[in-house]
N, C-alpha and C. Protein backbone atom coordinates (compact mmCIF):
# COMPACT_ATOMS: atom_id res chain seq x y z
N UNK A 1 114.50 94.11 -50.34
CA UNK A 1 115.01 92.92 -50.70
C UNK A 1 114.37 91.65 -49.95
N UNK A 2 114.12 91.76 -48.89
CA UNK A 2 113.27 90.55 -48.24
C UNK A 2 112.18 90.08 -48.81
N UNK A 3 111.35 91.03 -49.58
CA UNK A 3 110.20 90.62 -50.06
C UNK A 3 110.46 89.86 -51.36
N UNK A 4 111.54 89.64 -51.95
CA UNK A 4 111.90 89.13 -53.05
C UNK A 4 112.27 87.45 -52.81
N UNK A 5 112.48 87.34 -51.37
CA UNK A 5 112.69 85.63 -51.04
C UNK A 5 111.61 85.01 -51.04
N UNK A 6 111.96 83.66 -51.26
CA UNK A 6 110.65 82.90 -51.07
C UNK A 6 110.38 82.63 -49.76
N UNK A 7 109.13 82.55 -49.41
CA UNK A 7 108.80 82.37 -48.01
C UNK A 7 109.55 81.12 -47.34
N UNK A 8 109.71 81.16 -45.98
CA UNK A 8 110.22 79.84 -45.69
C UNK A 8 109.24 78.79 -45.41
N UNK A 9 109.72 77.60 -45.47
CA UNK A 9 108.77 76.71 -45.36
C UNK A 9 108.75 76.51 -43.90
N UNK A 10 107.02 76.37 -43.63
CA UNK A 10 106.88 76.24 -42.18
C UNK A 10 106.48 75.09 -41.73
N UNK A 11 106.51 74.54 -40.59
CA UNK A 11 105.95 72.87 -40.42
C UNK A 11 104.56 73.12 -40.09
N UNK A 12 103.83 71.93 -40.27
CA UNK A 12 102.74 72.24 -40.00
C UNK A 12 101.94 72.41 -38.50
N UNK A 13 100.83 73.02 -38.60
CA UNK A 13 100.57 73.22 -37.29
C UNK A 13 100.36 71.96 -36.36
N UNK A 14 100.66 72.31 -35.14
CA UNK A 14 100.65 71.17 -34.10
C UNK A 14 99.37 71.18 -33.44
N UNK A 15 98.12 70.60 -33.96
CA UNK A 15 97.16 70.55 -33.14
C UNK A 15 96.95 69.67 -32.03
N UNK A 16 97.89 68.56 -32.02
CA UNK A 16 98.02 67.56 -31.01
C UNK A 16 99.48 67.52 -30.55
N UNK A 17 99.51 67.71 -29.28
CA UNK A 17 100.96 67.29 -28.58
C UNK A 17 100.74 66.01 -27.67
N UNK A 18 101.91 65.34 -27.53
CA UNK A 18 101.71 64.06 -26.74
C UNK A 18 101.46 64.45 -25.29
N UNK A 19 101.73 65.71 -24.72
CA UNK A 19 101.37 65.77 -23.23
C UNK A 19 100.03 66.32 -23.24
N UNK A 20 99.23 66.63 -24.18
CA UNK A 20 97.76 67.10 -24.07
C UNK A 20 96.99 66.24 -24.72
N UNK A 21 97.48 65.19 -25.31
CA UNK A 21 96.34 64.26 -26.00
C UNK A 21 95.31 63.72 -25.17
N UNK A 22 94.01 63.91 -25.74
CA UNK A 22 92.88 63.44 -24.97
C UNK A 22 92.13 62.61 -26.11
N UNK A 23 91.79 61.17 -25.97
CA UNK A 23 91.18 60.48 -26.56
C UNK A 23 89.95 61.06 -27.33
N UNK A 24 89.23 61.48 -26.51
CA UNK A 24 87.89 62.01 -26.90
C UNK A 24 87.87 63.16 -27.89
N UNK A 25 89.12 63.92 -28.08
CA UNK A 25 89.14 64.90 -28.96
C UNK A 25 90.35 64.40 -30.07
N UNK A 26 90.31 63.02 -30.33
CA UNK A 26 91.23 62.67 -31.41
C UNK A 26 90.25 62.45 -32.58
N UNK A 27 90.50 63.00 -33.85
CA UNK A 27 89.94 62.76 -34.92
C UNK A 27 89.93 61.30 -35.40
N UNK A 28 91.24 60.63 -35.04
CA UNK A 28 91.54 59.20 -35.47
C UNK A 28 90.59 58.21 -34.75
N UNK A 29 90.49 58.51 -33.24
CA UNK A 29 89.48 57.78 -32.45
C UNK A 29 88.00 58.06 -33.04
N UNK A 30 87.80 59.36 -33.23
CA UNK A 30 86.25 59.65 -33.74
C UNK A 30 85.89 58.98 -35.18
N UNK A 31 86.88 58.77 -36.01
CA UNK A 31 86.75 58.23 -37.14
C UNK A 31 86.67 56.72 -37.00
N UNK A 32 87.26 56.00 -35.88
CA UNK A 32 87.31 54.49 -35.92
C UNK A 32 85.82 54.25 -35.00
N UNK A 33 85.24 55.18 -34.46
CA UNK A 33 83.89 54.85 -33.69
C UNK A 33 82.90 55.18 -34.72
N UNK A 34 83.22 55.97 -35.50
CA UNK A 34 82.03 56.20 -36.77
C UNK A 34 82.22 54.84 -37.75
N UNK A 35 83.25 54.51 -37.99
CA UNK A 35 83.47 53.26 -38.69
C UNK A 35 82.80 52.00 -38.17
N UNK A 36 82.91 52.14 -36.80
CA UNK A 36 82.64 50.87 -35.83
C UNK A 36 80.88 50.92 -35.96
N UNK A 37 80.34 52.19 -35.72
CA UNK A 37 78.76 52.29 -35.87
C UNK A 37 78.27 51.82 -37.26
N UNK A 38 78.79 52.49 -38.37
CA UNK A 38 78.38 52.12 -39.70
C UNK A 38 78.42 50.59 -39.91
N UNK A 39 79.52 49.78 -39.29
CA UNK A 39 79.65 48.31 -39.65
C UNK A 39 78.60 47.77 -38.57
N UNK A 40 78.51 48.08 -37.32
CA UNK A 40 77.49 47.65 -36.72
C UNK A 40 75.94 47.42 -37.21
N UNK A 41 75.69 49.07 -37.78
CA UNK A 41 74.38 49.13 -38.17
C UNK A 41 73.91 48.25 -39.77
N UNK A 42 75.26 48.08 -40.33
CA UNK A 42 75.02 47.37 -41.73
C UNK A 42 75.19 46.26 -41.25
N UNK A 43 75.77 45.40 -40.43
CA UNK A 43 75.91 43.95 -40.01
C UNK A 43 74.21 43.61 -39.62
N UNK A 44 73.82 44.44 -39.02
CA UNK A 44 72.44 44.35 -38.43
C UNK A 44 71.42 44.01 -39.59
N UNK A 45 71.41 45.01 -40.61
CA UNK A 45 70.80 45.14 -41.58
C UNK A 45 70.92 44.04 -42.58
N UNK A 46 72.04 43.46 -42.71
CA UNK A 46 72.54 42.53 -43.80
C UNK A 46 72.34 40.82 -42.84
N UNK A 47 71.90 41.00 -42.16
CA UNK A 47 71.80 39.66 -41.23
C UNK A 47 70.99 38.50 -42.19
N UNK A 48 69.73 38.99 -42.40
CA UNK A 48 68.98 38.16 -43.46
C UNK A 48 69.52 37.74 -44.75
N UNK A 49 70.66 38.49 -45.35
CA UNK A 49 71.26 38.32 -46.53
C UNK A 49 72.49 37.50 -46.35
N UNK A 50 72.73 37.17 -45.13
CA UNK A 50 74.03 36.23 -44.82
C UNK A 50 75.26 36.81 -45.23
N UNK A 51 75.33 38.01 -45.03
CA UNK A 51 76.56 38.88 -45.32
C UNK A 51 77.06 39.90 -44.02
N UNK A 52 78.26 39.97 -43.80
CA UNK A 52 78.41 41.10 -42.93
C UNK A 52 78.88 42.40 -43.69
N UNK A 53 79.23 43.41 -42.93
CA UNK A 53 79.50 44.77 -43.46
C UNK A 53 80.86 44.41 -44.20
N UNK A 54 81.93 43.91 -43.69
CA UNK A 54 83.06 43.72 -44.25
C UNK A 54 83.05 42.88 -45.58
N UNK A 55 82.36 41.78 -45.58
CA UNK A 55 82.08 40.98 -46.71
C UNK A 55 81.49 42.03 -47.92
N UNK A 56 80.28 42.73 -47.53
CA UNK A 56 79.54 43.72 -48.53
C UNK A 56 80.78 44.82 -49.11
N UNK A 57 81.60 45.27 -48.09
CA UNK A 57 82.77 46.16 -48.42
C UNK A 57 83.67 45.80 -49.57
N UNK A 58 83.98 44.04 -49.29
CA UNK A 58 84.76 43.65 -50.33
C UNK A 58 84.43 43.46 -51.64
N UNK A 59 82.88 43.30 -51.75
CA UNK A 59 82.29 43.13 -53.08
C UNK A 59 82.06 44.62 -53.55
N UNK A 60 81.89 45.35 -52.89
CA UNK A 60 81.96 47.06 -53.33
C UNK A 60 83.39 47.15 -54.09
N UNK A 61 84.23 46.90 -53.33
CA UNK A 61 85.55 47.33 -53.63
C UNK A 61 85.75 46.46 -55.12
N UNK A 62 85.35 45.23 -55.06
CA UNK A 62 85.69 44.31 -56.26
C UNK A 62 84.90 45.10 -57.34
N UNK A 63 83.52 45.33 -57.26
CA UNK A 63 82.85 46.05 -58.19
C UNK A 63 83.28 47.24 -58.90
N UNK A 64 83.91 48.05 -57.77
CA UNK A 64 84.25 49.48 -58.24
C UNK A 64 85.81 49.30 -58.83
N UNK A 65 86.50 48.27 -59.01
CA UNK A 65 87.69 48.03 -59.56
C UNK A 65 89.04 48.44 -58.58
N UNK A 66 88.56 48.70 -57.22
CA UNK A 66 89.54 49.13 -56.57
C UNK A 66 90.64 48.21 -56.09
N UNK A 67 90.36 46.85 -56.34
CA UNK A 67 91.39 45.81 -56.08
C UNK A 67 90.93 44.49 -56.83
N UNK A 68 91.65 43.79 -57.26
CA UNK A 68 91.23 42.50 -58.07
C UNK A 68 92.25 41.29 -57.46
N UNK A 69 92.87 41.73 -56.24
CA UNK A 69 93.70 40.48 -55.44
C UNK A 69 93.34 40.78 -54.04
N UNK A 70 93.62 39.69 -53.40
CA UNK A 70 93.33 39.63 -51.88
C UNK A 70 93.91 40.65 -51.16
N UNK A 71 95.45 40.73 -51.72
CA UNK A 71 96.39 41.64 -51.12
C UNK A 71 95.72 43.22 -51.27
N UNK A 72 95.33 43.49 -52.34
CA UNK A 72 94.50 44.84 -52.69
C UNK A 72 93.62 45.24 -51.96
N UNK A 73 92.79 44.37 -51.84
CA UNK A 73 91.53 44.46 -51.06
C UNK A 73 92.00 44.39 -49.63
N UNK A 74 92.82 43.79 -49.02
CA UNK A 74 93.36 43.90 -47.65
C UNK A 74 93.92 45.58 -47.23
N UNK A 75 94.60 45.89 -48.36
CA UNK A 75 95.25 47.33 -48.06
C UNK A 75 93.84 48.45 -47.99
N UNK A 76 93.13 48.27 -49.19
CA UNK A 76 91.94 48.94 -49.18
C UNK A 76 90.97 48.84 -47.71
N UNK A 77 91.01 47.85 -47.44
CA UNK A 77 90.11 47.57 -45.96
C UNK A 77 90.84 47.81 -44.94
N UNK A 78 92.23 47.92 -44.85
CA UNK A 78 93.26 48.02 -43.67
C UNK A 78 92.98 46.95 -42.76
N UNK A 79 92.94 45.61 -43.38
CA UNK A 79 92.99 44.41 -42.54
C UNK A 79 94.38 43.51 -43.06
N UNK A 80 94.22 42.70 -42.27
CA UNK A 80 95.85 41.85 -42.75
C UNK A 80 95.40 40.86 -43.90
N UNK A 81 96.27 40.18 -44.57
CA UNK A 81 96.20 39.48 -45.79
C UNK A 81 95.56 38.34 -45.16
N UNK A 82 95.82 37.50 -44.07
CA UNK A 82 95.03 36.32 -43.60
C UNK A 82 93.95 36.45 -43.43
N UNK A 83 93.31 37.75 -42.76
CA UNK A 83 91.79 38.06 -42.59
C UNK A 83 91.21 38.10 -43.93
N UNK A 84 91.73 38.62 -44.76
CA UNK A 84 91.26 38.83 -46.25
C UNK A 84 90.96 37.56 -46.82
N UNK A 85 91.99 36.65 -46.68
CA UNK A 85 91.96 35.36 -47.40
C UNK A 85 90.76 34.56 -46.88
N UNK A 86 90.68 34.58 -45.39
CA UNK A 86 89.33 33.88 -45.06
C UNK A 86 88.11 34.28 -45.35
N UNK A 87 88.18 35.63 -45.35
CA UNK A 87 86.98 36.31 -46.07
C UNK A 87 86.65 35.94 -47.56
N UNK A 88 87.88 35.94 -48.43
CA UNK A 88 87.50 35.54 -49.71
C UNK A 88 87.07 34.38 -49.44
N UNK A 89 87.60 33.27 -49.02
CA UNK A 89 87.26 31.83 -48.83
C UNK A 89 85.66 31.91 -48.54
N UNK A 90 85.02 32.59 -47.62
CA UNK A 90 83.79 32.62 -47.29
C UNK A 90 82.73 33.16 -48.34
N UNK A 91 83.34 34.22 -49.03
CA UNK A 91 82.68 34.55 -50.18
C UNK A 91 82.44 33.59 -51.19
N UNK A 92 83.71 33.29 -51.49
CA UNK A 92 83.94 32.12 -52.49
C UNK A 92 82.92 30.92 -52.11
N UNK A 93 82.69 30.59 -51.08
CA UNK A 93 81.98 29.25 -50.50
C UNK A 93 80.31 29.81 -50.67
N UNK A 94 80.18 30.93 -50.48
CA UNK A 94 78.81 31.43 -50.80
C UNK A 94 78.51 31.58 -52.24
N UNK A 95 79.45 31.63 -53.51
CA UNK A 95 79.35 31.68 -54.44
C UNK A 95 79.08 33.26 -55.03
N UNK A 96 79.80 33.85 -54.27
CA UNK A 96 79.49 35.27 -54.43
C UNK A 96 80.84 35.97 -55.11
N UNK A 97 81.99 35.18 -55.37
CA UNK A 97 83.44 35.64 -55.69
C UNK A 97 84.18 34.35 -56.13
N UNK A 98 84.62 34.57 -57.35
CA UNK A 98 85.42 33.39 -57.85
C UNK A 98 87.09 34.12 -57.97
N UNK A 99 87.92 32.73 -57.86
CA UNK A 99 89.35 33.18 -58.02
C UNK A 99 89.97 32.71 -59.30
N UNK A 100 90.82 33.30 -59.73
CA UNK A 100 91.25 33.10 -61.13
C UNK A 100 92.97 33.03 -61.19
N UNK A 101 93.35 32.31 -61.73
CA UNK A 101 95.05 32.45 -61.75
C UNK A 101 95.33 33.45 -63.08
N UNK A 102 96.21 34.46 -62.61
CA UNK A 102 96.56 35.27 -63.85
C UNK A 102 97.30 34.45 -64.74
N UNK A 103 96.81 34.51 -66.20
CA UNK A 103 97.53 33.85 -67.15
C UNK A 103 98.94 34.48 -67.34
N UNK A 104 99.52 35.53 -67.11
CA UNK A 104 100.83 36.18 -67.52
C UNK A 104 101.54 35.90 -66.18
N UNK A 105 101.12 35.95 -64.98
CA UNK A 105 101.62 35.37 -63.57
C UNK A 105 100.98 34.35 -62.77
N UNK A 106 101.15 33.17 -62.85
CA UNK A 106 100.66 31.97 -62.40
C UNK A 106 100.46 32.25 -60.76
N UNK A 107 101.37 32.98 -60.08
CA UNK A 107 101.72 33.18 -58.79
C UNK A 107 100.51 34.23 -58.33
N UNK A 108 99.79 34.89 -59.14
CA UNK A 108 98.95 35.87 -58.85
C UNK A 108 97.47 35.32 -58.98
N UNK A 109 96.66 35.52 -58.09
CA UNK A 109 95.22 35.01 -58.30
C UNK A 109 94.39 36.29 -57.82
N UNK A 110 93.61 36.39 -59.29
CA UNK A 110 92.84 37.43 -59.36
C UNK A 110 91.41 37.07 -58.96
N UNK A 111 90.64 38.33 -58.37
CA UNK A 111 89.25 37.89 -57.92
C UNK A 111 88.25 38.65 -58.65
N UNK A 112 87.14 38.09 -58.71
CA UNK A 112 85.86 38.85 -59.47
C UNK A 112 84.75 38.38 -59.05
N UNK A 113 83.56 39.28 -59.13
CA UNK A 113 82.39 39.07 -58.85
C UNK A 113 81.58 37.77 -59.50
N UNK A 114 80.80 36.76 -59.01
CA UNK A 114 80.16 35.99 -59.84
C UNK A 114 78.82 36.73 -60.15
N UNK A 115 77.97 36.28 -61.01
CA UNK A 115 76.78 36.85 -61.02
C UNK A 115 76.02 36.71 -59.90
N UNK A 116 75.97 35.74 -59.10
CA UNK A 116 75.32 35.83 -57.67
C UNK A 116 76.05 37.12 -56.92
N UNK A 117 77.18 37.18 -56.94
CA UNK A 117 77.81 38.38 -56.35
C UNK A 117 77.39 39.50 -56.60
N UNK A 118 76.96 39.83 -57.87
CA UNK A 118 76.52 41.07 -58.34
C UNK A 118 75.12 41.15 -57.88
N UNK A 119 74.39 40.38 -57.96
CA UNK A 119 72.87 40.24 -57.43
C UNK A 119 72.91 40.31 -55.69
N UNK A 120 73.82 39.96 -55.05
CA UNK A 120 73.80 40.21 -53.90
C UNK A 120 74.21 41.77 -53.28
N UNK A 121 75.04 42.09 -54.33
CA UNK A 121 75.52 43.35 -53.94
C UNK A 121 74.38 44.57 -54.40
N UNK A 122 73.68 44.29 -55.55
CA UNK A 122 72.73 45.21 -55.97
C UNK A 122 71.47 44.98 -54.99
N UNK A 123 71.22 43.84 -54.42
CA UNK A 123 70.06 43.81 -53.46
C UNK A 123 70.74 44.52 -52.07
N UNK A 124 71.97 44.63 -51.77
CA UNK A 124 72.26 45.20 -50.53
C UNK A 124 72.61 46.65 -50.60
N UNK A 125 72.50 47.31 -51.76
CA UNK A 125 72.78 48.90 -51.88
C UNK A 125 71.96 49.67 -50.96
N UNK A 126 70.66 49.07 -51.14
CA UNK A 126 69.56 49.95 -50.26
C UNK A 126 70.11 50.07 -48.99
N UNK A 127 70.48 48.88 -48.28
CA UNK A 127 70.67 48.85 -47.12
C UNK A 127 72.10 49.67 -46.69
N UNK A 128 73.00 49.66 -47.54
CA UNK A 128 74.36 50.77 -47.32
C UNK A 128 73.60 52.06 -47.42
N UNK A 129 72.92 52.23 -48.37
CA UNK A 129 72.59 53.69 -48.70
C UNK A 129 71.74 54.16 -47.25
N UNK A 130 71.05 53.44 -46.86
CA UNK A 130 70.14 53.75 -45.55
C UNK A 130 70.99 53.91 -44.21
N UNK A 131 72.10 52.87 -44.17
CA UNK A 131 73.07 53.25 -43.05
C UNK A 131 73.88 54.43 -43.21
N UNK A 132 74.16 54.70 -44.37
CA UNK A 132 75.08 55.84 -44.70
C UNK A 132 74.17 57.13 -44.32
N UNK A 133 72.84 57.35 -44.89
CA UNK A 133 71.98 58.19 -44.73
C UNK A 133 71.57 58.52 -43.20
N UNK A 134 71.38 57.11 -42.56
CA UNK A 134 71.10 57.30 -41.00
C UNK A 134 72.16 58.18 -40.34
N UNK A 135 73.53 58.13 -40.57
CA UNK A 135 74.68 58.71 -39.83
C UNK A 135 74.65 60.18 -40.44
N UNK A 136 73.96 60.60 -41.31
CA UNK A 136 74.08 61.82 -42.02
C UNK A 136 72.64 62.49 -41.58
N UNK A 137 72.17 62.18 -40.67
CA UNK A 137 70.80 62.84 -40.39
C UNK A 137 71.17 64.12 -39.92
N UNK A 138 70.52 65.12 -40.30
CA UNK A 138 70.65 66.65 -40.06
C UNK A 138 71.67 67.20 -40.57
N UNK A 139 72.56 66.58 -41.70
CA UNK A 139 73.47 67.37 -42.47
C UNK A 139 72.79 67.73 -43.58
N UNK A 140 73.45 69.03 -43.93
CA UNK A 140 72.88 69.76 -45.37
C UNK A 140 74.10 68.95 -46.21
N UNK A 141 73.60 69.32 -47.55
CA UNK A 141 74.30 68.87 -48.68
C UNK A 141 75.71 69.44 -48.75
N UNK A 142 75.77 70.77 -48.36
CA UNK A 142 77.10 71.61 -48.24
C UNK A 142 77.87 70.81 -47.09
N UNK A 143 77.31 70.43 -46.01
CA UNK A 143 77.99 69.84 -44.93
C UNK A 143 78.62 68.26 -45.28
N UNK A 144 77.65 67.74 -46.06
CA UNK A 144 78.29 66.54 -46.44
C UNK A 144 79.36 66.94 -47.45
N UNK A 145 79.45 67.56 -48.38
CA UNK A 145 80.44 68.08 -49.52
C UNK A 145 81.66 68.53 -48.59
N UNK A 146 81.42 69.34 -47.67
CA UNK A 146 82.62 69.87 -46.68
C UNK A 146 83.16 68.56 -45.97
N UNK A 147 82.42 67.56 -45.47
CA UNK A 147 83.04 66.49 -44.88
C UNK A 147 83.76 65.68 -45.79
N UNK A 148 83.16 65.20 -46.92
CA UNK A 148 83.99 64.57 -48.05
C UNK A 148 85.28 65.55 -48.21
N UNK A 149 85.10 66.56 -48.46
CA UNK A 149 86.53 67.44 -48.81
C UNK A 149 87.51 67.09 -47.71
N UNK A 150 87.15 67.34 -46.61
CA UNK A 150 88.08 67.15 -45.47
C UNK A 150 88.58 65.82 -45.20
N UNK A 151 87.82 64.72 -45.52
CA UNK A 151 88.36 63.61 -45.44
C UNK A 151 89.16 62.96 -46.48
N UNK A 152 89.14 63.58 -47.63
CA UNK A 152 90.20 63.62 -48.84
C UNK A 152 91.23 64.37 -48.59
N UNK A 153 91.29 65.52 -47.95
CA UNK A 153 92.33 65.95 -47.28
C UNK A 153 93.34 65.24 -46.47
N UNK A 154 92.55 64.67 -45.67
CA UNK A 154 93.29 63.68 -44.55
C UNK A 154 94.06 62.72 -45.28
N UNK A 155 93.32 61.97 -45.96
CA UNK A 155 93.88 60.80 -46.91
C UNK A 155 95.10 61.38 -47.87
N UNK A 156 94.84 62.69 -48.48
CA UNK A 156 95.91 63.11 -49.24
C UNK A 156 97.10 63.50 -48.46
N UNK A 157 97.01 64.06 -47.30
CA UNK A 157 98.18 64.33 -46.30
C UNK A 157 98.91 63.27 -45.83
N UNK A 158 98.05 62.05 -45.66
CA UNK A 158 98.67 60.94 -45.16
C UNK A 158 99.58 60.27 -46.33
N UNK A 159 98.80 60.32 -47.65
CA UNK A 159 99.70 59.79 -48.69
C UNK A 159 100.79 60.39 -49.06
N UNK A 160 100.95 61.85 -48.89
CA UNK A 160 102.25 62.62 -49.24
C UNK A 160 103.14 62.38 -48.28
N UNK A 161 102.65 62.01 -46.76
CA UNK A 161 103.62 61.93 -46.12
C UNK A 161 104.52 60.44 -46.15
N UNK A 162 103.60 59.52 -46.65
CA UNK A 162 103.97 58.27 -46.93
C UNK A 162 105.06 58.04 -48.03
N UNK A 163 104.76 58.98 -49.05
CA UNK A 163 105.59 59.17 -50.28
C UNK A 163 106.82 59.76 -49.83
N UNK A 164 106.91 60.66 -49.18
CA UNK A 164 108.02 61.49 -48.68
C UNK A 164 109.11 60.78 -47.75
N UNK A 165 108.36 59.62 -47.02
CA UNK A 165 108.90 58.73 -46.24
C UNK A 165 109.76 57.65 -47.00
N UNK A 166 108.85 57.19 -48.05
CA UNK A 166 109.44 56.31 -49.08
C UNK A 166 110.62 56.82 -49.90
N UNK A 167 110.59 58.28 -50.12
CA UNK A 167 111.47 58.68 -50.79
C UNK A 167 113.03 58.97 -50.04
N UNK A 168 112.67 59.06 -48.75
CA UNK A 168 113.94 59.10 -47.89
C UNK A 168 114.59 57.80 -47.52
N UNK A 169 113.87 56.49 -47.68
CA UNK A 169 114.04 55.18 -47.30
C UNK A 169 115.15 54.79 -48.13
């Protein structure tokens, strides 16, 4: 009879515990350090283009349709909306981004790349690829695919937990 019962749900494994946490073994800390390294290398390569890694990230997200407002971009880049607004101000002053009021809701300000923004993005793509490849030195294609799979799993787990939390609230 016991074989016909559904398996009991078990808690996810506790890889980390508060009493044994070591920052050097934290994937969160390591991801933050990798992101910092990517940004420093990209900032260095983009100096002659008068762009920063964060600014380029905004252009990439706009071009990919991942955000059309400052708030959406801020969420994607995990920065506060005030910092995002200042960055959009700088990108607009450089002629790379334009703001447009939404005709359906005048409170909403949409963002779009200008032709100069598209040129800047295209001209920076080689630098972005070089920095990403620099950090993948020694990886095989299978290892990169596995890394991407694991990162997506981490994101999916976080999104599922947020969704469950939202449904409880």
